[in-house]
């Protein structure tokens, strides 16, 4: 009710297509991989 967060433990295994997705995103849209969603979420929430 109060918040949303994204967390992945340091021992979590990457999904089967994770590497391919990241490469596709960078090649197709020029978007970088992120290590935290906090800044994106905070900025979007402050606006909307």
ModelCIF file with pLDDT and N, C-alpha, C, O atoms, coordinates in Angstrom:
data_MODEL
#
_entry.id   MODEL 
#
_entity.id                         1 
_entity.type                       polymer 
_entity.pdbx_number_of_molecules   1 
#
_entity_poly.entity_id                      1 
_entity_poly.type                           'polypeptide(L)' 
_entity_poly.nstd_linkage                   no 
_entity_poly.nstd_monomer                   no 
_entity_poly.pdbx_seq_one_letter_code       
;(UNK)(UNK)(UNK)(UNK)(UNK)(UNK)(UNK)(UNK)(UNK)(UNK)(UNK)(UNK)(UNK)(UNK)(UNK)(UNK)
(UNK)(UNK)(UNK)(UNK)(UNK)(UNK)(UNK)(UNK)(UNK)(UNK)(UNK)(UNK)(UNK)(UNK)(UNK)(UNK)
(UNK)(UNK)(UNK)(UNK)(UNK)(UNK)(UNK)(UNK)(UNK)(UNK)(UNK)(UNK)(UNK)(UNK)(UNK)(UNK)
;
_entity_poly.pdbx_seq_one_letter_code_can   XXXXXXXXXXXXXXXXXXXXXXXXXXXXXXXXXXXXXXXXXXXXXXXX 
_entity_poly.pdbx_strand_id                 A 
#
loop_
_entity_poly_seq.entity_id 
_entity_poly_seq.num 
_entity_poly_seq.mon_id 
_entity_poly_seq.hetero 
1 1  UNK n 
1 2  UNK n 
1 3  UNK n 
1 4  UNK n 
1 5  UNK n 
1 6  UNK n 
1 7  UNK n 
1 8  UNK n 
1 9  UNK n 
1 10 UNK n 
1 11 UNK n 
1 12 UNK n 
1 13 UNK n 
1 14 UNK n 
1 15 UNK n 
1 16 UNK n 
1 17 UNK n 
1 18 UNK n 
1 19 UNK n 
1 20 UNK n 
1 21 UNK n 
1 22 UNK n 
1 23 UNK n 
1 24 UNK n 
1 25 UNK n 
1 26 UNK n 
1 27 UNK n 
1 28 UNK n 
1 29 UNK n 
1 30 UNK n 
1 31 UNK n 
1 32 UNK n 
1 33 UNK n 
1 34 UNK n 
1 35 UNK n 
1 36 UNK n 
1 37 UNK n 
1 38 UNK n 
1 39 UNK n 
1 40 UNK n 
1 41 UNK n 
1 42 UNK n 
1 43 UNK n 
1 44 UNK n 
1 45 UNK n 
1 46 UNK n 
1 47 UNK n 
1 48 UNK n 
#
_struct_asym.id          A 
_struct_asym.entity_id   1 
#
loop_
_ma_qa_metric.id 
_ma_qa_metric.mode 
_ma_qa_metric.name 
_ma_qa_metric.software_group_id 
_ma_qa_metric.type 
1 global pLDDT . pLDDT 
2 local  pLDDT . pLDDT 
#
_ma_qa_metric_global.metric_id      1 
_ma_qa_metric_global.metric_value   92.65 
_ma_qa_metric_global.model_id       1 
_ma_qa_metric_global.ordinal_id     1 
#
loop_
_ma_qa_metric_local.label_asym_id 
_ma_qa_metric_local.label_comp_id 
_ma_qa_metric_local.label_seq_id 
_ma_qa_metric_local.metric_id 
_ma_qa_metric_local.metric_value 
_ma_qa_metric_local.model_id 
_ma_qa_metric_local.ordinal_id 
A UNK 1  2 94.00 1 1  
A UNK 2  2 93.00 1 2  
A UNK 3  2 93.00 1 3  
A UNK 4  2 95.00 1 4  
A UNK 5  2 95.00 1 5  
A UNK 6  2 94.00 1 6  
A UNK 7  2 87.00 1 7  
A UNK 8  2 81.00 1 8  
A UNK 9  2 79.00 1 9  
A UNK 10 2 79.00 1 10 
A UNK 11 2 80.00 1 11 
A UNK 12 2 82.00 1 12 
A UNK 13 2 83.00 1 13 
A UNK 14 2 82.00 1 14 
A UNK 15 2 87.00 1 15 
A UNK 16 2 89.00 1 16 
A UNK 17 2 93.00 1 17 
A UNK 18 2 93.00 1 18 
A UNK 19 2 94.00 1 19 
A UNK 20 2 96.00 1 20 
A UNK 21 2 96.00 1 21 
A UNK 22 2 96.00 1 22 
A UNK 23 2 96.00 1 23 
A UNK 24 2 97.00 1 24 
A UNK 25 2 97.00 1 25 
A UNK 26 2 97.00 1 26 
A UNK 27 2 97.00 1 27 
A UNK 28 2 97.00 1 28 
A UNK 29 2 96.00 1 29 
A UNK 30 2 97.00 1 30 
A UNK 31 2 97.00 1 31 
A UNK 32 2 95.00 1 32 
A UNK 33 2 94.00 1 33 
A UNK 34 2 95.00 1 34 
A UNK 35 2 92.00 1 35 
A UNK 36 2 94.00 1 36 
A UNK 37 2 96.00 1 37 
A UNK 38 2 96.00 1 38 
A UNK 39 2 97.00 1 39 
A UNK 40 2 97.00 1 40 
A UNK 41 2 97.00 1 41 
A UNK 42 2 97.00 1 42 
A UNK 43 2 97.00 1 43 
A UNK 44 2 96.00 1 44 
A UNK 45 2 95.00 1 45 
A UNK 46 2 95.00 1 46 
A UNK 47 2 92.00 1 47 
A UNK 48 2 90.00 1 48 
#
loop_
_atom_site.group_PDB 
_atom_site.id 
_atom_site.type_symbol 
_atom_site.label_atom_id 
_atom_site.label_alt_id 
_atom_site.label_comp_id 
_atom_site.label_asym_id 
_atom_site.label_entity_id 
_atom_site.label_seq_id 
_atom_site.pdbx_PDB_ins_code 
_atom_site.Cartn_x 
_atom_site.Cartn_y 
_atom_site.Cartn_z 
_atom_site.occupancy 
_atom_site.B_iso_or_equiv 
_atom_site.pdbx_formal_charge 
_atom_site.auth_seq_id 
_atom_site.auth_comp_id 
_atom_site.auth_asym_id 
_atom_site.auth_atom_id 
_atom_site.pdbx_PDB_model_num 
ATOM 1   N N  . UNK A 1 1  ? 0.814  -1.209  0.000   1.00 94.00 ? 1  UNK A N  1 
ATOM 2   C CA . UNK A 1 1  ? 0.000  0.000   0.000   1.00 94.00 ? 1  UNK A CA 1 
ATOM 3   C C  . UNK A 1 1  ? 0.850  1.263   0.000   1.00 94.00 ? 1  UNK A C  1 
ATOM 4   O O  . UNK A 1 1  ? 0.473  2.271   -0.597  1.00 94.00 ? 1  UNK A O  1 
ATOM 5   N N  . UNK A 1 2  ? 1.983  1.207   0.663   1.00 93.00 ? 2  UNK A N  1 
ATOM 6   C CA . UNK A 1 2  ? 2.799  2.409   0.875   1.00 93.00 ? 2  UNK A CA 1 
ATOM 7   C C  . UNK A 1 2  ? 3.863  2.656   -0.193  1.00 93.00 ? 2  UNK A C  1 
ATOM 8   O O  . UNK A 1 2  ? 4.218  3.803   -0.464  1.00 93.00 ? 2  UNK A O  1 
ATOM 9   N N  . UNK A 1 3  ? 4.368  1.587   -0.798  1.00 93.00 ? 3  UNK A N  1 
ATOM 10  C CA . UNK A 1 3  ? 5.511  1.777   -1.691  1.00 93.00 ? 3  UNK A CA 1 
ATOM 11  C C  . UNK A 1 3  ? 5.660  0.639   -2.694  1.00 93.00 ? 3  UNK A C  1 
ATOM 12  O O  . UNK A 1 3  ? 4.971  -0.380  -2.637  1.00 93.00 ? 3  UNK A O  1 
ATOM 13  N N  . UNK A 1 4  ? 6.582  0.859   -3.601  1.00 95.00 ? 4  UNK A N  1 
ATOM 14  C CA . UNK A 1 4  ? 6.999  -0.161  -4.560  1.00 95.00 ? 4  UNK A CA 1 
ATOM 15  C C  . UNK A 1 4  ? 8.525  -0.146  -4.575  1.00 95.00 ? 4  UNK A C  1 
ATOM 16  O O  . UNK A 1 4  ? 9.146  0.913   -4.498  1.00 95.00 ? 4  UNK A O  1 
ATOM 17  N N  . UNK A 1 5  ? 9.117  -1.329  -4.675  1.00 95.00 ? 5  UNK A N  1 
ATOM 18  C CA . UNK A 1 5  ? 10.574 -1.392  -4.757  1.00 95.00 ? 5  UNK A CA 1 
ATOM 19  C C  . UNK A 1 5  ? 10.976 -2.581  -5.615  1.00 95.00 ? 5  UNK A C  1 
ATOM 20  O O  . UNK A 1 5  ? 10.212 -3.526  -5.813  1.00 95.00 ? 5  UNK A O  1 
ATOM 21  N N  . UNK A 1 6  ? 12.189 -2.499  -6.112  1.00 94.00 ? 6  UNK A N  1 
ATOM 22  C CA . UNK A 1 6  ? 12.766 -3.571  -6.913  1.00 94.00 ? 6  UNK A CA 1 
ATOM 23  C C  . UNK A 1 6  ? 14.025 -4.025  -6.201  1.00 94.00 ? 6  UNK A C  1 
ATOM 24  O O  . UNK A 1 6  ? 14.917 -3.219  -5.937  1.00 94.00 ? 6  UNK A O  1 
ATOM 25  N N  . UNK A 1 7  ? 14.103 -5.305  -5.891  1.00 87.00 ? 7  UNK A N  1 
ATOM 26  C CA . UNK A 1 7  ? 15.275 -5.833  -5.198  1.00 87.00 ? 7  UNK A CA 1 
ATOM 27  C C  . UNK A 1 7  ? 15.627 -7.190  -5.785  1.00 87.00 ? 7  UNK A C  1 
ATOM 28  O O  . UNK A 1 7  ? 14.761 -8.020  -6.058  1.00 87.00 ? 7  UNK A O  1 
ATOM 29  N N  . UNK A 1 8  ? 16.903 -7.384  -5.967  1.00 81.00 ? 8  UNK A N  1 
ATOM 30  C CA . UNK A 1 8  ? 17.402 -8.689  -6.396  1.00 81.00 ? 8  UNK A CA 1 
ATOM 31  C C  . UNK A 1 8  ? 18.637 -8.980  -5.563  1.00 81.00 ? 8  UNK A C  1 
ATOM 32  O O  . UNK A 1 8  ? 19.609 -8.224  -5.586  1.00 81.00 ? 8  UNK A O  1 
ATOM 33  N N  . UNK A 1 9  ? 18.591 -10.067 -4.838  1.00 79.00 ? 9  UNK A N  1 
ATOM 34  C CA . UNK A 1 9  ? 19.711 -10.438 -3.989  1.00 79.00 ? 9  UNK A CA 1 
ATOM 35  C C  . UNK A 1 9  ? 20.969 -10.708 -4.794  1.00 79.00 ? 9  UNK A C  1 
ATOM 36  O O  . UNK A 1 9  ? 20.909 -11.044 -5.977  1.00 79.00 ? 9  UNK A O  1 
ATOM 37  N N  . UNK A 1 10 ? 22.095 -10.557 -4.141  1.00 79.00 ? 10 UNK A N  1 
ATOM 38  C CA . UNK A 1 10 ? 23.364 -10.728 -4.833  1.00 79.00 ? 10 UNK A CA 1 
ATOM 39  C C  . UNK A 1 10 ? 23.598 -12.154 -5.302  1.00 79.00 ? 10 UNK A C  1 
ATOM 40  O O  . UNK A 1 10 ? 24.424 -12.382 -6.186  1.00 79.00 ? 10 UNK A O  1 
ATOM 41  N N  . UNK A 1 11 ? 22.887 -13.118 -4.729  1.00 80.00 ? 11 UNK A N  1 
ATOM 42  C CA . UNK A 1 11 ? 23.052 -14.513 -5.124  1.00 80.00 ? 11 UNK A CA 1 
ATOM 43  C C  . UNK A 1 11 ? 21.958 -14.985 -6.083  1.00 80.00 ? 11 UNK A C  1 
ATOM 44  O O  . UNK A 1 11 ? 21.884 -16.170 -6.407  1.00 80.00 ? 11 UNK A O  1 
ATOM 45  N N  . UNK A 1 12 ? 21.119 -14.070 -6.532  1.00 82.00 ? 12 UNK A N  1 
ATOM 46  C CA . UNK A 1 12 ? 20.049 -14.422 -7.472  1.00 82.00 ? 12 UNK A CA 1 
ATOM 47  C C  . UNK A 1 12 ? 20.642 -14.755 -8.831  1.00 82.00 ? 12 UNK A C  1 
ATOM 48  O O  . UNK A 1 12 ? 21.545 -14.074 -9.317  1.00 82.00 ? 12 UNK A O  1 
ATOM 49  N N  . UNK A 1 13 ? 20.131 -15.789 -9.421  1.00 83.00 ? 13 UNK A N  1 
ATOM 50  C CA . UNK A 1 13 ? 20.561 -16.195 -10.751 1.00 83.00 ? 13 UNK A CA 1 
ATOM 51  C C  . UNK A 1 13 ? 19.854 -15.349 -11.803 1.00 83.00 ? 13 UNK A C  1 
ATOM 52  O O  . UNK A 1 13 ? 18.662 -15.078 -11.659 1.00 83.00 ? 13 UNK A O  1 
ATOM 53  N N  . UNK A 1 14 ? 20.547 -14.923 -12.855 1.00 82.00 ? 14 UNK A N  1 
ATOM 54  C CA . UNK A 1 14 ? 19.880 -14.174 -13.925 1.00 82.00 ? 14 UNK A CA 1 
ATOM 55  C C  . UNK A 1 14 ? 18.915 -15.074 -14.694 1.00 82.00 ? 14 UNK A C  1 
ATOM 56  O O  . UNK A 1 14 ? 19.133 -16.279 -14.817 1.00 82.00 ? 14 UNK A O  1 
ATOM 57  N N  . UNK A 1 15 ? 17.853 -14.471 -15.204 1.00 87.00 ? 15 UNK A N  1 
ATOM 58  C CA . UNK A 1 15 ? 16.896 -15.203 -16.016 1.00 87.00 ? 15 UNK A CA 1 
ATOM 59  C C  . UNK A 1 15 ? 17.550 -15.692 -17.303 1.00 87.00 ? 15 UNK A C  1 
ATOM 60  O O  . UNK A 1 15 ? 18.590 -15.181 -17.720 1.00 87.00 ? 15 UNK A O  1 
ATOM 61  N N  . UNK A 1 16 ? 16.930 -16.684 -17.920 1.00 89.00 ? 16 UNK A N  1 
ATOM 62  C CA . UNK A 1 16 ? 17.506 -17.325 -19.109 1.00 89.00 ? 16 UNK A CA 1 
ATOM 63  C C  . UNK A 1 16 ? 17.790 -16.332 -20.236 1.00 89.00 ? 16 UNK A C  1 
ATOM 64  O O  . UNK A 1 16 ? 18.809 -16.457 -20.914 1.00 89.00 ? 16 UNK A O  1 
ATOM 65  N N  . UNK A 1 17 ? 16.924 -15.364 -20.448 1.00 93.00 ? 17 UNK A N  1 
ATOM 66  C CA . UNK A 1 17 ? 17.107 -14.421 -21.555 1.00 93.00 ? 17 UNK A CA 1 
ATOM 67  C C  . UNK A 1 17 ? 17.609 -13.057 -21.129 1.00 93.00 ? 17 UNK A C  1 
ATOM 68  O O  . UNK A 1 17 ? 17.605 -12.124 -21.932 1.00 93.00 ? 17 UNK A O  1 
ATOM 69  N N  . UNK A 1 18 ? 18.036 -12.919 -19.897 1.00 93.00 ? 18 UNK A N  1 
ATOM 70  C CA . UNK A 1 18 ? 18.434 -11.616 -19.364 1.00 93.00 ? 18 UNK A CA 1 
ATOM 71  C C  . UNK A 1 18 ? 19.554 -10.960 -20.170 1.00 93.00 ? 18 UNK A C  1 
ATOM 72  O O  . UNK A 1 18 ? 19.438 -9.795  -20.553 1.00 93.00 ? 18 UNK A O  1 
ATOM 73  N N  . UNK A 1 19 ? 20.606 -11.676 -20.424 1.00 94.00 ? 19 UNK A N  1 
ATOM 74  C CA . UNK A 1 19 ? 21.735 -11.111 -21.181 1.00 94.00 ? 19 UNK A CA 1 
ATOM 75  C C  . UNK A 1 19 ? 21.307 -10.706 -22.583 1.00 94.00 ? 19 UNK A C  1 
ATOM 76  O O  . UNK A 1 19 ? 21.680 -9.638  -23.067 1.00 94.00 ? 19 UNK A O  1 
ATOM 77  N N  . UNK A 1 20 ? 20.519 -11.566 -23.239 1.00 96.00 ? 20 UNK A N  1 
ATOM 78  C CA . UNK A 1 20 ? 20.051 -11.258 -24.592 1.00 96.00 ? 20 UNK A CA 1 
ATOM 79  C C  . UNK A 1 20 ? 19.141 -10.032 -24.604 1.00 96.00 ? 20 UNK A C  1 
ATOM 80  O O  . UNK A 1 20 ? 19.213 -9.208  -25.515 1.00 96.00 ? 20 UNK A O  1 
ATOM 81  N N  . UNK A 1 21 ? 18.289 -9.917  -23.594 1.00 96.00 ? 21 UNK A N  1 
ATOM 82  C CA . UNK A 1 21 ? 17.402 -8.753  -23.502 1.00 96.00 ? 21 UNK A CA 1 
ATOM 83  C C  . UNK A 1 21 ? 18.214 -7.468  -23.352 1.00 96.00 ? 21 UNK A C  1 
ATOM 84  O O  . UNK A 1 21 ? 17.948 -6.477  -24.032 1.00 96.00 ? 21 UNK A O  1 
ATOM 85  N N  . UNK A 1 22 ? 19.196 -7.488  -22.466 1.00 96.00 ? 22 UNK A N  1 
ATOM 86  C CA . UNK A 1 22 ? 20.025 -6.298  -22.244 1.00 96.00 ? 22 UNK A CA 1 
ATOM 87  C C  . UNK A 1 22 ? 20.769 -5.888  -23.515 1.00 96.00 ? 22 UNK A C  1 
ATOM 88  O O  . UNK A 1 22 ? 20.854 -4.701  -23.833 1.00 96.00 ? 22 UNK A O  1 
ATOM 89  N N  . UNK A 1 23 ? 21.300 -6.857  -24.231 1.00 96.00 ? 23 UNK A N  1 
ATOM 90  C CA . UNK A 1 23 ? 21.988 -6.564  -25.493 1.00 96.00 ? 23 UNK A CA 1 
ATOM 91  C C  . UNK A 1 23 ? 21.020 -5.979  -26.513 1.00 96.00 ? 23 UNK A C  1 
ATOM 92  O O  . UNK A 1 23 ? 21.340 -5.003  -27.191 1.00 96.00 ? 23 UNK A O  1 
ATOM 93  N N  . UNK A 1 24 ? 19.834 -6.578  -26.622 1.00 97.00 ? 24 UNK A N  1 
ATOM 94  C CA . UNK A 1 24 ? 18.822 -6.101  -27.561 1.00 97.00 ? 24 UNK A CA 1 
ATOM 95  C C  . UNK A 1 24 ? 18.422 -4.664  -27.237 1.00 97.00 ? 24 UNK A C  1 
ATOM 96  O O  . UNK A 1 24 ? 18.317 -3.836  -28.143 1.00 97.00 ? 24 UNK A O  1 
ATOM 97  N N  . UNK A 1 25 ? 18.201 -4.359  -25.976 1.00 97.00 ? 25 UNK A N  1 
ATOM 98  C CA . UNK A 1 25 ? 17.787 -3.030  -25.554 1.00 97.00 ? 25 UNK A CA 1 
ATOM 99  C C  . UNK A 1 25 ? 18.853 -1.991  -25.889 1.00 97.00 ? 25 UNK A C  1 
ATOM 100 O O  . UNK A 1 25 ? 18.540 -0.890  -26.343 1.00 97.00 ? 25 UNK A O  1 
ATOM 101 N N  . UNK A 1 26 ? 20.103 -2.349  -25.664 1.00 97.00 ? 26 UNK A N  1 
ATOM 102 C CA . UNK A 1 26 ? 21.197 -1.431  -25.967 1.00 97.00 ? 26 UNK A CA 1 
ATOM 103 C C  . UNK A 1 26 ? 21.326 -1.218  -27.476 1.00 97.00 ? 26 UNK A C  1 
ATOM 104 O O  . UNK A 1 26 ? 21.480 -0.086  -27.934 1.00 97.00 ? 26 UNK A O  1 
ATOM 105 N N  . UNK A 1 27 ? 21.264 -2.305  -28.244 1.00 97.00 ? 27 UNK A N  1 
ATOM 106 C CA . UNK A 1 27 ? 21.425 -2.203  -29.696 1.00 97.00 ? 27 UNK A CA 1 
ATOM 107 C C  . UNK A 1 27 ? 20.236 -1.538  -30.371 1.00 97.00 ? 27 UNK A C  1 
ATOM 108 O O  . UNK A 1 27 ? 20.415 -0.698  -31.253 1.00 97.00 ? 27 UNK A O  1 
ATOM 109 N N  . UNK A 1 28 ? 19.031 -1.903  -29.971 1.00 97.00 ? 28 UNK A N  1 
ATOM 110 C CA . UNK A 1 28 ? 17.814 -1.409  -30.627 1.00 97.00 ? 28 UNK A CA 1 
ATOM 111 C C  . UNK A 1 28 ? 17.460 0.018   -30.219 1.00 97.00 ? 28 UNK A C  1 
ATOM 112 O O  . UNK A 1 28 ? 17.073 0.825   -31.064 1.00 97.00 ? 28 UNK A O  1 
ATOM 113 N N  . UNK A 1 29 ? 17.591 0.339   -28.919 1.00 96.00 ? 29 UNK A N  1 
ATOM 114 C CA . UNK A 1 29 ? 17.123 1.631   -28.412 1.00 96.00 ? 29 UNK A CA 1 
ATOM 115 C C  . UNK A 1 29 ? 18.211 2.483   -27.767 1.00 96.00 ? 29 UNK A C  1 
ATOM 116 O O  . UNK A 1 29 ? 17.947 3.615   -27.360 1.00 96.00 ? 29 UNK A O  1 
ATOM 117 N N  . UNK A 1 30 ? 19.423 1.960   -27.669 1.00 97.00 ? 30 UNK A N  1 
ATOM 118 C CA . UNK A 1 30 ? 20.503 2.718   -27.060 1.00 97.00 ? 30 UNK A CA 1 
ATOM 119 C C  . UNK A 1 30 ? 20.315 2.934   -25.566 1.00 97.00 ? 30 UNK A C  1 
ATOM 120 O O  . UNK A 1 30 ? 20.848 3.890   -25.003 1.00 97.00 ? 30 UNK A O  1 
ATOM 121 N N  . UNK A 1 31 ? 19.554 2.044   -24.919 1.00 97.00 ? 31 UNK A N  1 
ATOM 122 C CA . UNK A 1 31 ? 19.284 2.177   -23.488 1.00 97.00 ? 31 UNK A CA 1 
ATOM 123 C C  . UNK A 1 31 ? 20.219 1.279   -22.688 1.00 97.00 ? 31 UNK A C  1 
ATOM 124 O O  . UNK A 1 31 ? 20.442 0.117   -23.028 1.00 97.00 ? 31 UNK A O  1 
ATOM 125 N N  . UNK A 1 32 ? 20.754 1.848   -21.624 1.00 95.00 ? 32 UNK A N  1 
ATOM 126 C CA . UNK A 1 32 ? 21.711 1.133   -20.792 1.00 95.00 ? 32 UNK A CA 1 
ATOM 127 C C  . UNK A 1 32 ? 21.023 0.283   -19.731 1.00 95.00 ? 32 UNK A C  1 
ATOM 128 O O  . UNK A 1 32 ? 19.886 0.544   -19.338 1.00 95.00 ? 32 UNK A O  1 
ATOM 129 N N  . UNK A 1 33 ? 21.733 -0.726  -19.285 1.00 94.00 ? 33 UNK A N  1 
ATOM 130 C CA . UNK A 1 33 ? 21.316 -1.532  -18.142 1.00 94.00 ? 33 UNK A CA 1 
ATOM 131 C C  . UNK A 1 33 ? 21.439 -0.670  -16.894 1.00 94.00 ? 33 UNK A C  1 
ATOM 132 O O  . UNK A 1 33 ? 22.351 0.150   -16.787 1.00 94.00 ? 33 UNK A O  1 
ATOM 133 N N  . UNK A 1 34 ? 20.519 -0.856  -15.948 1.00 95.00 ? 34 UNK A N  1 
ATOM 134 C CA . UNK A 1 34 ? 20.594 -0.108  -14.694 1.00 95.00 ? 34 UNK A CA 1 
ATOM 135 C C  . UNK A 1 34 ? 20.880 -1.076  -13.541 1.00 95.00 ? 34 UNK A C  1 
ATOM 136 O O  . UNK A 1 34 ? 20.632 -2.276  -13.652 1.00 95.00 ? 34 UNK A O  1 
ATOM 137 N N  . UNK A 1 35 ? 21.396 -0.549  -12.454 1.00 92.00 ? 35 UNK A N  1 
ATOM 138 C CA . UNK A 1 35 ? 21.659 -1.389  -11.286 1.00 92.00 ? 35 UNK A CA 1 
ATOM 139 C C  . UNK A 1 35 ? 20.651 -1.128  -10.174 1.00 92.00 ? 35 UNK A C  1 
ATOM 140 O O  . UNK A 1 35 ? 20.591 -1.872  -9.194  1.00 92.00 ? 35 UNK A O  1 
ATOM 141 N N  . UNK A 1 36 ? 19.858 -0.068  -10.329 1.00 94.00 ? 36 UNK A N  1 
ATOM 142 C CA . UNK A 1 36 ? 18.832 0.272   -9.343  1.00 94.00 ? 36 UNK A CA 1 
ATOM 143 C C  . UNK A 1 36 ? 17.723 1.050   -10.046 1.00 94.00 ? 36 UNK A C  1 
ATOM 144 O O  . UNK A 1 36 ? 17.987 1.861   -10.934 1.00 94.00 ? 36 UNK A O  1 
ATOM 145 N N  . UNK A 1 37 ? 16.483 0.794   -9.642  1.00 96.00 ? 37 UNK A N  1 
ATOM 146 C CA . UNK A 1 37 ? 15.339 1.520   -10.215 1.00 96.00 ? 37 UNK A CA 1 
ATOM 147 C C  . UNK A 1 37 ? 14.947 2.716   -9.352  1.00 96.00 ? 37 UNK A C  1 
ATOM 148 O O  . UNK A 1 37 ? 14.039 3.464   -9.714  1.00 96.00 ? 37 UNK A O  1 
ATOM 149 N N  . UNK A 1 38 ? 15.604 2.902   -8.241  1.00 96.00 ? 38 UNK A N  1 
ATOM 150 C CA . UNK A 1 38 ? 15.192 3.930   -7.279  1.00 96.00 ? 38 UNK A CA 1 
ATOM 151 C C  . UNK A 1 38 ? 15.067 5.322   -7.895  1.00 96.00 ? 38 UNK A C  1 
ATOM 152 O O  . UNK A 1 38 ? 14.066 6.002   -7.668  1.00 96.00 ? 38 UNK A O  1 
ATOM 153 N N  . UNK A 1 39 ? 16.053 5.755   -8.661  1.00 97.00 ? 39 UNK A N  1 
ATOM 154 C CA . UNK A 1 39 ? 16.020 7.105   -9.234  1.00 97.00 ? 39 UNK A CA 1 
ATOM 155 C C  . UNK A 1 39 ? 14.899 7.240   -10.263 1.00 97.00 ? 39 UNK A C  1 
ATOM 156 O O  . UNK A 1 39 ? 14.213 8.261   -10.299 1.00 97.00 ? 39 UNK A O  1 
ATOM 157 N N  . UNK A 1 40 ? 14.711 6.226   -11.094 1.00 97.00 ? 40 UNK A N  1 
ATOM 158 C CA . UNK A 1 40 ? 13.645 6.262   -12.104 1.00 97.00 ? 40 UNK A CA 1 
ATOM 159 C C  . UNK A 1 40 ? 12.285 6.332   -11.433 1.00 97.00 ? 40 UNK A C  1 
ATOM 160 O O  . UNK A 1 40 ? 11.443 7.146   -11.812 1.00 97.00 ? 40 UNK A O  1 
ATOM 161 N N  . UNK A 1 41 ? 12.070 5.484   -10.440 1.00 97.00 ? 41 UNK A N  1 
ATOM 162 C CA . UNK A 1 41 ? 10.783 5.446   -9.734  1.00 97.00 ? 41 UNK A CA 1 
ATOM 163 C C  . UNK A 1 41 ? 10.539 6.762   -9.003  1.00 97.00 ? 41 UNK A C  1 
ATOM 164 O O  . UNK A 1 41 ? 9.441  7.314   -9.087  1.00 97.00 ? 41 UNK A O  1 
ATOM 165 N N  . UNK A 1 42 ? 11.526 7.268   -8.299  1.00 97.00 ? 42 UNK A N  1 
ATOM 166 C CA . UNK A 1 42 ? 11.361 8.513   -7.533  1.00 97.00 ? 42 UNK A CA 1 
ATOM 167 C C  . UNK A 1 42 ? 11.015 9.685   -8.443  1.00 97.00 ? 42 UNK A C  1 
ATOM 168 O O  . UNK A 1 42 ? 10.131 10.482  -8.128  1.00 97.00 ? 42 UNK A O  1 
ATOM 169 N N  . UNK A 1 43 ? 11.710 9.788   -9.565  1.00 97.00 ? 43 UNK A N  1 
ATOM 170 C CA . UNK A 1 43 ? 11.455 10.882  -10.505 1.00 97.00 ? 43 UNK A CA 1 
ATOM 171 C C  . UNK A 1 43 ? 10.043 10.777  -11.089 1.00 97.00 ? 43 UNK A C  1 
ATOM 172 O O  . UNK A 1 43 ? 9.326  11.774  -11.171 1.00 97.00 ? 43 UNK A O  1 
ATOM 173 N N  . UNK A 1 44 ? 9.652  9.578   -11.488 1.00 96.00 ? 44 UNK A N  1 
ATOM 174 C CA . UNK A 1 44 ? 8.321  9.379   -12.060 1.00 96.00 ? 44 UNK A CA 1 
ATOM 175 C C  . UNK A 1 44 ? 7.230  9.644   -11.030 1.00 96.00 ? 44 UNK A C  1 
ATOM 176 O O  . UNK A 1 44 ? 6.209  10.252  -11.350 1.00 96.00 ? 44 UNK A O  1 
ATOM 177 N N  . UNK A 1 45 ? 7.440  9.193   -9.796  1.00 95.00 ? 45 UNK A N  1 
ATOM 178 C CA . UNK A 1 45 ? 6.438  9.413   -8.760  1.00 95.00 ? 45 UNK A CA 1 
ATOM 179 C C  . UNK A 1 45 ? 6.310  10.891  -8.413  1.00 95.00 ? 45 UNK A C  1 
ATOM 180 O O  . UNK A 1 45 ? 5.209  11.367  -8.136  1.00 95.00 ? 45 UNK A O  1 
ATOM 181 N N  . UNK A 1 46 ? 7.410  11.612  -8.425  1.00 95.00 ? 46 UNK A N  1 
ATOM 182 C CA . UNK A 1 46 ? 7.322  13.038  -8.108  1.00 95.00 ? 46 UNK A CA 1 
ATOM 183 C C  . UNK A 1 46 ? 6.497  13.783  -9.157  1.00 95.00 ? 46 UNK A C  1 
ATOM 184 O O  . UNK A 1 46 ? 5.872  14.797  -8.847  1.00 95.00 ? 46 UNK A O  1 
ATOM 185 N N  . UNK A 1 47 ? 6.492  13.296  -10.379 1.00 92.00 ? 47 UNK A N  1 
ATOM 186 C CA . UNK A 1 47 ? 5.713  13.937  -11.448 1.00 92.00 ? 47 UNK A CA 1 
ATOM 187 C C  . UNK A 1 47 ? 4.269  13.459  -11.512 1.00 92.00 ? 47 UNK A C  1 
ATOM 188 O O  . UNK A 1 47 ? 3.371  14.255  -11.786 1.00 92.00 ? 47 UNK A O  1 
ATOM 189 N N  . UNK A 1 48 ? 4.028  12.159  -11.263 1.00 90.00 ? 48 UNK A N  1 
ATOM 190 C CA . UNK A 1 48 ? 2.727  11.581  -11.592 1.00 90.00 ? 48 UNK A CA 1 
ATOM 191 C C  . UNK A 1 48 ? 1.966  10.897  -10.460 1.00 90.00 ? 48 UNK A C  1 
ATOM 192 O O  . UNK A 1 48 ? 0.865  10.391  -10.674 1.00 90.00 ? 48 UNK A O  1 
#
